[in-house]
């Protein structure tokens, strides 16, 4: 797997990888990450993947990160 690019964002790190005819887009925020895989036949290059990751897509990822964080925090609080 090799890094082919990064997509700038102020609140999370977005890295695009290429591996086995797939583009892998990894979003990282704090202790959490989300990974999406896209077939190279449909998205032929970094530019196509970059266009796929729209403002709306990023906003939805951030919402999921918030939900993930709340789940993690609630689990930790239940343990105490």
PDB file of N, CA and C in Angstrom:
ATOM      1  N   UNK A   1       0.861  -1.163   0.000  1.00  0.00           N
ATOM      2  CA  UNK A   1       0.000   0.000   0.000  1.00  0.00           C
ATOM      3  C   UNK A   1       0.907   1.225   0.000  1.00  0.00           C
ATOM      4  N   UNK A   2       0.573   2.162  -0.863  1.00  0.00           N
ATOM      5  CA  UNK A   2       1.384   3.379  -0.920  1.00  0.00           C
ATOM      6  C   UNK A   2       0.493   4.613  -0.877  1.00  0.00           C
ATOM      7  N   UNK A   3       1.001   5.655  -0.271  1.00  0.00           N
ATOM      8  CA  UNK A   3       0.284   6.929  -0.195  1.00  0.00           C
ATOM      9  C   UNK A   3       0.408   7.620  -1.545  1.00  0.00           C
ATOM     10  N   UNK A   4      -0.752   8.037  -2.092  1.00  0.00           N
ATOM     11  CA  UNK A   4      -0.711   8.771  -3.359  1.00  0.00           C
ATOM     12  C   UNK A   4      -1.106  10.237  -3.192  1.00  0.00           C
ATOM     13  N   UNK A   5      -1.606  10.599  -2.007  1.00  0.00           N
ATOM     14  CA  UNK A   5      -1.943  11.990  -1.791  1.00  0.00           C
ATOM     15  C   UNK A   5      -2.667  12.238  -0.490  1.00  0.00           C
ATOM     16  N   UNK A   6      -2.788  13.510  -0.167  1.00  0.00           N
ATOM     17  CA  UNK A   6      -3.538  13.959   1.011  1.00  0.00           C
ATOM     18  C   UNK A   6      -4.542  14.995   0.565  1.00  0.00           C
ATOM     19  N   UNK A   7      -5.665  15.025   1.261  1.00  0.00           N
ATOM     20  CA  UNK A   7      -6.696  16.023   0.998  1.00  0.00           C
ATOM     21  C   UNK A   7      -6.743  16.922   2.219  1.00  0.00           C
ATOM     22  N   UNK A   8      -6.482  18.212   2.052  1.00  0.00           N
ATOM     23  CA  UNK A   8      -6.424  19.100   3.214  1.00  0.00           C
ATOM     24  C   UNK A   8      -7.784  19.276   3.898  1.00  0.00           C
ATOM     25  N   UNK A   9      -7.726  19.323   5.225  1.00  0.00           N
ATOM     26  CA  UNK A   9      -8.918  19.603   6.030  1.00  0.00           C
ATOM     27  C   UNK A   9      -8.439  20.085   7.395  1.00  0.00           C
ATOM     28  N   UNK A  10      -9.090  21.100   7.969  1.00  0.00           N
ATOM     29  CA  UNK A  10      -8.607  21.649   9.240  1.00  0.00           C
ATOM     30  C   UNK A  10      -8.868  20.764  10.458  1.00  0.00           C
ATOM     31  N   UNK A  11      -9.850  19.856  10.393  1.00  0.00           N
ATOM     32  CA  UNK A  11     -10.244  19.094  11.579  1.00  0.00           C
ATOM     33  C   UNK A  11      -9.873  17.615  11.542  1.00  0.00           C
ATOM     34  N   UNK A  12      -9.393  17.129  10.418  1.00  0.00           N
ATOM     35  CA  UNK A  12      -9.033  15.714  10.332  1.00  0.00           C
ATOM     36  C   UNK A  12      -7.972  15.524   9.261  1.00  0.00           C
ATOM     37  N   UNK A  13      -7.300  14.415   9.357  1.00  0.00           N
ATOM     38  CA  UNK A  13      -6.290  14.067   8.361  1.00  0.00           C
ATOM     39  C   UNK A  13      -6.936  13.132   7.348  1.00  0.00           C
ATOM     40  N   UNK A  14      -6.779  13.439   6.061  1.00  0.00           N
ATOM     41  CA  UNK A  14      -7.354  12.618   4.999  1.00  0.00           C
ATOM     42  C   UNK A  14      -6.206  12.160   4.101  1.00  0.00           C
ATOM     43  N   UNK A  15      -5.990  10.854   4.068  1.00  0.00           N
ATOM     44  CA  UNK A  15      -4.903  10.272   3.284  1.00  0.00           C
ATOM     45  C   UNK A  15      -5.488   9.313   2.261  1.00  0.00           C
ATOM     46  N   UNK A  16      -4.983   9.377   1.034  1.00  0.00           N
ATOM     47  CA  UNK A  16      -5.435   8.479  -0.031  1.00  0.00           C
ATOM     48  C   UNK A  16      -4.292   7.518  -0.354  1.00  0.00           C
ATOM     49  N   UNK A  17      -4.619   6.231  -0.312  1.00  0.00           N
ATOM     50  CA  UNK A  17      -3.670   5.170  -0.598  1.00  0.00           C
ATOM     51  C   UNK A  17      -4.088   4.440  -1.869  1.00  0.00           C
ATOM     52  N   UNK A  18      -3.142   3.721  -2.460  1.00  0.00           N
ATOM     53  CA  UNK A  18      -3.454   2.837  -3.588  1.00  0.00           C
ATOM     54  C   UNK A  18      -2.928   1.451  -3.242  1.00  0.00           C
ATOM     55  N   UNK A  19      -3.808   0.448  -3.420  1.00  0.00           N
ATOM     56  CA  UNK A  19      -3.412  -0.926  -3.148  1.00  0.00           C
ATOM     57  C   UNK A  19      -4.363  -1.885  -3.864  1.00  0.00           C
ATOM     58  N   UNK A  20      -3.815  -2.840  -4.593  1.00  0.00           N
ATOM     59  CA  UNK A  20      -4.595  -3.908  -5.216  1.00  0.00           C
ATOM     60  C   UNK A  20      -5.800  -3.396  -6.004  1.00  0.00           C
ATOM     61  N   UNK A  21      -5.585  -2.487  -6.917  1.00  0.00           N
ATOM     62  CA  UNK A  21      -6.637  -1.944  -7.779  1.00  0.00           C
ATOM     63  C   UNK A  21      -7.745  -1.227  -7.014  1.00  0.00           C
ATOM     64  N   UNK A  22      -7.407  -0.729  -5.825  1.00  0.00           N
ATOM     65  CA  UNK A  22      -8.366   0.029  -5.027  1.00  0.00           C
ATOM     66  C   UNK A  22      -7.695   1.304  -4.525  1.00  0.00           C
ATOM     67  N   UNK A  23      -8.509   2.334  -4.379  1.00  0.00           N
ATOM     68  CA  UNK A  23      -8.086   3.535  -3.691  1.00  0.00           C
ATOM     69  C   UNK A  23      -8.707   3.491  -2.305  1.00  0.00           C
ATOM     70  N   UNK A  24      -7.901   3.705  -1.311  1.00  0.00           N
ATOM     71  CA  UNK A  24      -8.346   3.661   0.077  1.00  0.00           C
ATOM     72  C   UNK A  24      -8.232   5.079   0.628  1.00  0.00           C
ATOM     73  N   UNK A  25      -9.351   5.600   1.113  1.00  0.00           N
ATOM     74  CA  UNK A  25      -9.372   6.939   1.690  1.00  0.00           C
ATOM     75  C   UNK A  25      -9.526   6.774   3.197  1.00  0.00           C
ATOM     76  N   UNK A  26      -8.517   7.237   3.932  1.00  0.00           N
ATOM     77  CA  UNK A  26      -8.520   7.096   5.387  1.00  0.00           C
ATOM     78  C   UNK A  26      -8.662   8.469   6.025  1.00  0.00           C
ATOM     79  N   UNK A  27      -9.658   8.590   6.881  1.00  0.00           N
ATOM     80  CA  UNK A  27      -9.920   9.805   7.645  1.00  0.00           C
ATOM     81  C   UNK A  27      -9.497   9.531   9.088  1.00  0.00           C
ATOM     82  N   UNK A  28      -8.740  10.447   9.674  1.00  0.00           N
ATOM     83  CA  UNK A  28      -8.292  10.279  11.052  1.00  0.00           C
ATOM     84  C   UNK A  28      -8.622  11.530  11.857  1.00  0.00           C
ATOM     85  N   UNK A  29      -9.182  11.302  13.036  1.00  0.00           N
ATOM     86  CA  UNK A  29      -9.473  12.396  13.968  1.00  0.00           C
ATOM     87  C   UNK A  29      -9.292  11.847  15.382  1.00  0.00           C
ATOM     88  N   UNK A  30      -8.316  12.378  16.098  1.00  0.00           N
ATOM     89  CA  UNK A  30      -8.054  11.889  17.449  1.00  0.00           C
ATOM     90  C   UNK A  30      -7.753  10.405  17.430  1.00  0.00           C
ATOM     91  N   UNK A  31      -8.385   9.625  18.325  1.00  0.00           N
ATOM     92  CA  UNK A  31      -8.102   8.192  18.406  1.00  0.00           C
ATOM     93  C   UNK A  31      -8.925   7.350  17.423  1.00  0.00           C
ATOM     94  N   UNK A  32      -9.650   7.991  16.528  1.00  0.00           N
ATOM     95  CA  UNK A  32     -10.558   7.258  15.643  1.00  0.00           C
ATOM     96  C   UNK A  32     -10.156   7.407  14.192  1.00  0.00           C
ATOM     97  N   UNK A  33     -10.586   6.423  13.397  1.00  0.00           N
ATOM     98  CA  UNK A  33     -10.375   6.514  11.957  1.00  0.00           C
ATOM     99  C   UNK A  33     -11.526   5.842  11.228  1.00  0.00           C
ATOM    100  N   UNK A  34     -11.737   6.306  10.009  1.00  0.00           N
ATOM    101  CA  UNK A  34     -12.722   5.717   9.105  1.00  0.00           C
ATOM    102  C   UNK A  34     -12.005   5.453   7.788  1.00  0.00           C
ATOM    103  N   UNK A  35     -12.331   4.316   7.172  1.00  0.00           N
ATOM    104  CA  UNK A  35     -11.673   3.933   5.928  1.00  0.00           C
ATOM    105  C   UNK A  35     -12.739   3.588   4.891  1.00  0.00           C
ATOM    106  N   UNK A  36     -12.553   4.113   3.688  1.00  0.00           N
ATOM    107  CA  UNK A  36     -13.451   3.840   2.572  1.00  0.00           C
ATOM    108  C   UNK A  36     -12.610   3.330   1.411  1.00  0.00           C
ATOM    109  N   UNK A  37     -13.099   2.297   0.738  1.00  0.00           N
ATOM    110  CA  UNK A  37     -12.374   1.714  -0.393  1.00  0.00           C
ATOM    111  C   UNK A  37     -13.182   1.908  -1.668  1.00  0.00           C
ATOM    112  N   UNK A  38     -12.483   2.333  -2.722  1.00  0.00           N
ATOM    113  CA  UNK A  38     -13.119   2.588  -4.008  1.00  0.00           C
ATOM    114  C   UNK A  38     -12.372   1.845  -5.103  1.00  0.00           C
ATOM    115  N   UNK A  39     -13.123   1.233  -5.987  1.00  0.00           N
ATOM    116  CA  UNK A  39     -12.552   0.460  -7.079  1.00  0.00           C
ATOM    117  C   UNK A  39     -11.884   1.371  -8.099  1.00  0.00           C
ATOM    118  N   UNK A  40     -10.682   1.016  -8.492  1.00  0.00           N
ATOM    119  CA  UNK A  40      -9.922   1.818  -9.449  1.00  0.00           C
ATOM    120  C   UNK A  40     -10.600   1.876 -10.814  1.00  0.00           C
ATOM    121  N   UNK A  41     -11.407   0.882 -11.154  1.00  0.00           N
ATOM    122  CA  UNK A  41     -12.118   0.911 -12.434  1.00  0.00           C
ATOM    123  C   UNK A  41     -13.122   2.057 -12.493  1.00  0.00           C
ATOM    124  N   UNK A  42     -13.710   2.381 -11.361  1.00  0.00           N
ATOM    125  CA  UNK A  42     -14.715   3.447 -11.308  1.00  0.00           C
ATOM    126  C   UNK A  42     -14.054   4.814 -11.113  1.00  0.00           C
ATOM    127  N   UNK A  43     -13.015   4.850 -10.300  1.00  0.00           N
ATOM    128  CA  UNK A  43     -12.288   6.084 -10.005  1.00  0.00           C
ATOM    129  C   UNK A  43     -10.839   5.879 -10.437  1.00  0.00           C
ATOM    130  N   UNK A  44     -10.469   6.349 -11.623  1.00  0.00           N
ATOM    131  CA  UNK A  44      -9.186   5.982 -12.221  1.00  0.00           C
ATOM    132  C   UNK A  44      -7.934   6.644 -11.634  1.00  0.00           C
ATOM    133  N   UNK A  45      -8.082   7.652 -10.794  1.00  0.00           N
ATOM    134  CA  UNK A  45      -6.891   8.309 -10.271  1.00  0.00           C
ATOM    135  C   UNK A  45      -7.190   9.153  -9.055  1.00  0.00           C
ATOM    136  N   UNK A  46      -6.130   9.726  -8.503  1.00  0.00           N
ATOM    137  CA  UNK A  46      -6.260  10.547  -7.299  1.00  0.00           C
ATOM    138  C   UNK A  46      -7.252  11.688  -7.493  1.00  0.00           C
ATOM    139  N   UNK A  47      -7.206  12.339  -8.642  1.00  0.00           N
ATOM    140  CA  UNK A  47      -8.092  13.473  -8.890  1.00  0.00           C
ATOM    141  C   UNK A  47      -9.564  13.061  -8.822  1.00  0.00           C
ATOM    142  N   UNK A  48      -9.886  11.882  -9.353  1.00  0.00           N
ATOM    143  CA  UNK A  48     -11.266  11.388  -9.311  1.00  0.00           C
ATOM    144  C   UNK A  48     -11.699  11.097  -7.878  1.00  0.00           C
ATOM    145  N   UNK A  49     -10.795  10.534  -7.092  1.00  0.00           N
ATOM    146  CA  UNK A  49     -11.107  10.258  -5.683  1.00  0.00           C
ATOM    147  C   UNK A  49     -11.258  11.567  -4.919  1.00  0.00           C
ATOM    148  N   UNK A  50     -10.391  12.518  -5.210  1.00  0.00           N
ATOM    149  CA  UNK A  50     -10.456  13.823  -4.545  1.00  0.00           C
ATOM    150  C   UNK A  50     -11.793  14.512  -4.825  1.00  0.00           C
ATOM    151  N   UNK A  51     -12.291  14.412  -6.058  1.00  0.00           N
ATOM    152  CA  UNK A  51     -13.602  15.000  -6.393  1.00  0.00           C
ATOM    153  C   UNK A  51     -14.738  14.279  -5.680  1.00  0.00           C
ATOM    154  N   UNK A  52     -14.558  12.999  -5.426  1.00  0.00           N
ATOM    155  CA  UNK A  52     -15.571  12.210  -4.724  1.00  0.00           C
ATOM    156  C   UNK A  52     -15.740  12.679  -3.280  1.00  0.00           C
ATOM    157  N   UNK A  53     -14.642  13.085  -2.665  1.00  0.00           N
ATOM    158  CA  UNK A  53     -14.662  13.501  -1.261  1.00  0.00           C
ATOM    159  C   UNK A  53     -15.103  14.966  -1.202  1.00  0.00           C
ATOM    160  N   UNK A  54     -16.384  15.160  -1.359  1.00  0.00           N
ATOM    161  CA  UNK A  54     -16.987  16.495  -1.389  1.00  0.00           C
ATOM    162  C   UNK A  54     -17.130  17.074   0.016  1.00  0.00           C
ATOM    163  N   UNK A  55     -17.537  18.321   0.078  1.00  0.00           N
ATOM    164  CA  UNK A  55     -17.804  18.970   1.366  1.00  0.00           C
ATOM    165  C   UNK A  55     -18.840  18.167   2.152  1.00  0.00           C
ATOM    166  N   UNK A  56     -19.904  17.736   1.481  1.00  0.00           N
ATOM    167  CA  UNK A  56     -20.960  16.958   2.143  1.00  0.00           C
ATOM    168  C   UNK A  56     -20.407  15.634   2.681  1.00  0.00           C
ATOM    169  N   UNK A  57     -19.578  14.957   1.891  1.00  0.00           N
ATOM    170  CA  UNK A  57     -18.966  13.694   2.316  1.00  0.00           C
ATOM    171  C   UNK A  57     -18.161  13.929   3.596  1.00  0.00           C
ATOM    172  N   UNK A  58     -17.333  14.980   3.613  1.00  0.00           N
ATOM    173  CA  UNK A  58     -16.502  15.282   4.780  1.00  0.00           C
ATOM    174  C   UNK A  58     -17.347  15.644   5.995  1.00  0.00           C
ATOM    175  N   UNK A  59     -18.429  16.378   5.781  1.00  0.00           N
ATOM    176  CA  UNK A  59     -19.319  16.722   6.898  1.00  0.00           C
ATOM    177  C   UNK A  59     -19.935  15.468   7.503  1.00  0.00           C
ATOM    178  N   UNK A  60     -20.326  14.515   6.664  1.00  0.00           N
ATOM    179  CA  UNK A  60     -20.886  13.255   7.161  1.00  0.00           C
ATOM    180  C   UNK A  60     -19.849  12.442   7.921  1.00  0.00           C
ATOM    181  N   UNK A  61     -18.619  12.456   7.446  1.00  0.00           N
ATOM    182  CA  UNK A  61     -17.536  11.768   8.162  1.00  0.00           C
ATOM    183  C   UNK A  61     -17.349  12.402   9.536  1.00  0.00           C
ATOM    184  N   UNK A  62     -17.365  13.721   9.608  1.00  0.00           N
ATOM    185  CA  UNK A  62     -17.225  14.397  10.898  1.00  0.00           C
ATOM    186  C   UNK A  62     -18.377  14.057  11.845  1.00  0.00           C
ATOM    187  N   UNK A  63     -19.591  13.951  11.325  1.00  0.00           N
ATOM    188  CA  UNK A  63     -20.738  13.557  12.159  1.00  0.00           C
ATOM    189  C   UNK A  63     -20.528  12.160  12.725  1.00  0.00           C
ATOM    190  N   UNK A  64     -20.035  11.244  11.872  1.00  0.00           N
ATOM    191  CA  UNK A  64     -19.764   9.882  12.338  1.00  0.00           C
ATOM    192  C   UNK A  64     -18.668   9.870  13.395  1.00  0.00           C
ATOM    193  N   UNK A  65     -17.645  10.704  13.194  1.00  0.00           N
ATOM    194  CA  UNK A  65     -16.594  10.779  14.214  1.00  0.00           C
ATOM    195  C   UNK A  65     -17.187  11.222  15.545  1.00  0.00           C
ATOM    196  N   UNK A  66     -18.083  12.177  15.523  1.00  0.00           N
ATOM    197  CA  UNK A  66     -18.720  12.628  16.756  1.00  0.00           C
ATOM    198  C   UNK A  66     -19.506  11.492  17.404  1.00  0.00           C
ATOM    199  N   UNK A  67     -20.251  10.747  16.594  1.00  0.00           N
ATOM    200  CA  UNK A  67     -20.998   9.596  17.121  1.00  0.00           C
ATOM    201  C   UNK A  67     -20.047   8.546  17.694  1.00  0.00           C
ATOM    202  N   UNK A  68     -18.956   8.298  17.007  1.00  0.00           N
ATOM    203  CA  UNK A  68     -17.972   7.328  17.480  1.00  0.00           C
ATOM    204  C   UNK A  68     -17.374   7.787  18.808  1.00  0.00           C
ATOM    205  N   UNK A  69     -17.056   9.063  18.908  1.00  0.00           N
ATOM    206  CA  UNK A  69     -16.484   9.596  20.135  1.00  0.00           C
ATOM    207  C   UNK A  69     -17.470   9.464  21.292  1.00  0.00           C
ATOM    208  N   UNK A  70     -18.731   9.774  21.034  1.00  0.00           N
ATOM    209  CA  UNK A  70     -19.757   9.652  22.090  1.00  0.00           C
ATOM    210  C   UNK A  70     -19.897   8.194  22.529  1.00  0.00           C
ATOM    211  N   UNK A  71     -19.901   7.264  21.578  1.00  0.00           N
ATOM    212  CA  UNK A  71     -19.971   5.834  21.925  1.00  0.00           C
ATOM    213  C   UNK A  71     -18.783   5.428  22.788  1.00  0.00           C
ATOM    214  N   UNK A  72     -17.594   5.880  22.402  1.00  0.00           N
ATOM    215  CA  UNK A  72     -16.391   5.544  23.152  1.00  0.00           C
ATOM    216  C   UNK A  72     -16.458   6.127  24.561  1.00  0.00           C
ATOM    217  N   UNK A  73     -16.855   7.400  24.647  1.00  0.00           N
ATOM    218  CA  UNK A  73     -16.933   8.051  25.949  1.00  0.00           C
ATOM    219  C   UNK A  73     -17.981   7.380  26.843  1.00  0.00           C
ATOM    220  N   UNK A  74     -19.128   7.047  26.270  1.00  0.00           N
ATOM    221  CA  UNK A  74     -20.177   6.386  27.057  1.00  0.00           C
ATOM    222  C   UNK A  74     -19.721   5.015  27.555  1.00  0.00           C
ATOM    223  N   UNK A  75     -18.992   4.293  26.736  1.00  0.00           N
ATOM    224  CA  UNK A  75     -18.476   2.987  27.152  1.00  0.00           C
ATOM    225  C   UNK A  75     -17.474   3.132  28.283  1.00  0.00           C
ATOM    226  N   UNK A  76     -16.619   4.124  28.196  1.00  0.00           N
ATOM    227  CA  UNK A  76     -15.639   4.364  29.261  1.00  0.00           C
ATOM    228  C   UNK A  76     -16.348   4.756  30.547  1.00  0.00           C
ATOM    229  N   UNK A  77     -17.364   5.607  30.460  1.00  0.00           N
ATOM    230  CA  UNK A  77     -18.096   6.044  31.649  1.00  0.00           C
ATOM    231  C   UNK A  77     -18.846   4.890  32.302  1.00  0.00           C
ATOM    232  N   UNK A  78     -19.367   3.954  31.515  1.00  0.00           N
ATOM    233  CA  UNK A  78     -20.072   2.798  32.075  1.00  0.00           C
ATOM    234  C   UNK A  78     -19.116   1.888  32.821  1.00  0.00           C
ATOM    235  N   UNK A  79     -17.890   1.836  32.383  1.00  0.00           N
ATOM    236  CA  UNK A  79     -16.899   0.974  32.999  1.00  0.00           C
ATOM    237  C   UNK A  79     -16.509   1.470  34.383  1.00  0.00           C
ATOM    238  N   UNK A  80     -16.528   2.762  34.581  1.00  0.00           N
ATOM    239  CA  UNK A  80     -16.076   3.355  35.857  1.00  0.00           C
ATOM    240  C   UNK A  80     -17.054   3.139  36.965  1.00  0.00           C
TER     241      UNK A  80
END
